[in-house]
Protein backbone atom coordinates (compact mmCIF):
# COMPACT_ATOMS: atom_id res chain seq x y z
CA MET A 1 -90.18 -201.75 -55.41
CA THR A 2 -90.62 -202.32 -51.67
CA VAL A 3 -93.27 -200.34 -49.85
CA ASN A 4 -92.64 -199.49 -46.20
CA PHE A 5 -95.71 -197.94 -44.64
CA GLY A 6 -93.83 -197.66 -41.34
CA ARG A 7 -91.91 -194.66 -42.65
CA ALA A 8 -95.08 -193.00 -43.92
CA ALA A 9 -96.86 -193.69 -40.63
CA ASP A 10 -94.01 -192.09 -38.67
CA ASP A 11 -94.32 -188.90 -40.73
CA TYR A 12 -98.10 -189.00 -40.47
CA ALA A 13 -97.87 -189.22 -36.67
CA LYS A 14 -95.20 -186.53 -36.51
CA TYR A 15 -97.13 -183.89 -38.45
CA ARG A 16 -100.75 -184.76 -37.64
CA ASP A 17 -102.47 -182.59 -35.03
CA PRO A 18 -103.24 -184.53 -31.84
CA LEU A 19 -106.83 -185.35 -31.08
CA PRO A 20 -108.37 -182.98 -28.54
CA ASP A 21 -108.95 -184.20 -24.98
CA ALA A 22 -112.57 -183.08 -25.35
CA LEU A 23 -113.13 -185.88 -27.88
CA PHE A 24 -112.17 -188.50 -25.32
CA ASP A 25 -114.27 -186.79 -22.65
CA GLN A 26 -117.30 -186.83 -24.95
CA LEU A 27 -116.78 -190.50 -25.81
CA ALA A 28 -116.50 -191.36 -22.11
CA GLU A 29 -119.74 -189.47 -21.42
CA ARG A 30 -121.40 -191.79 -23.93
CA GLY A 31 -120.00 -194.87 -22.21
CA ILE A 32 -117.34 -195.52 -24.85
CA GLU A 33 -114.17 -196.65 -23.10
CA TRP A 34 -111.15 -198.55 -24.43
CA LYS A 35 -109.16 -199.22 -21.28
CA GLY A 36 -108.72 -202.95 -20.77
CA LYS A 37 -110.29 -203.81 -24.13
CA SER A 38 -108.84 -205.24 -27.29
CA VAL A 39 -109.43 -203.17 -30.41
CA VAL A 40 -108.65 -203.33 -34.10
CA ASP A 41 -107.77 -200.06 -35.76
CA LEU A 42 -107.76 -200.74 -39.52
CA GLY A 43 -107.08 -198.16 -42.19
CA SER A 44 -106.85 -195.29 -39.77
CA GLY A 45 -103.46 -193.72 -40.20
CA THR A 46 -101.23 -194.07 -37.16
CA GLY A 47 -103.59 -196.21 -35.07
CA LEU A 48 -103.99 -193.48 -32.50
CA PHE A 49 -107.14 -194.96 -30.98
CA SER A 50 -105.59 -198.38 -30.49
CA ARG A 51 -102.69 -196.94 -28.53
């Protein structure tokens, strides 16, 4: 049996609620910023934060 997580990830991304903009505003207020940085997003569904 071949497992293809890509198909599961596509469905996960399609049906998962988006993260609220307020979350990113609150992270920025705390000095947490990802622009221009390399990140690793392991075991976290669709990898939304690394996009």
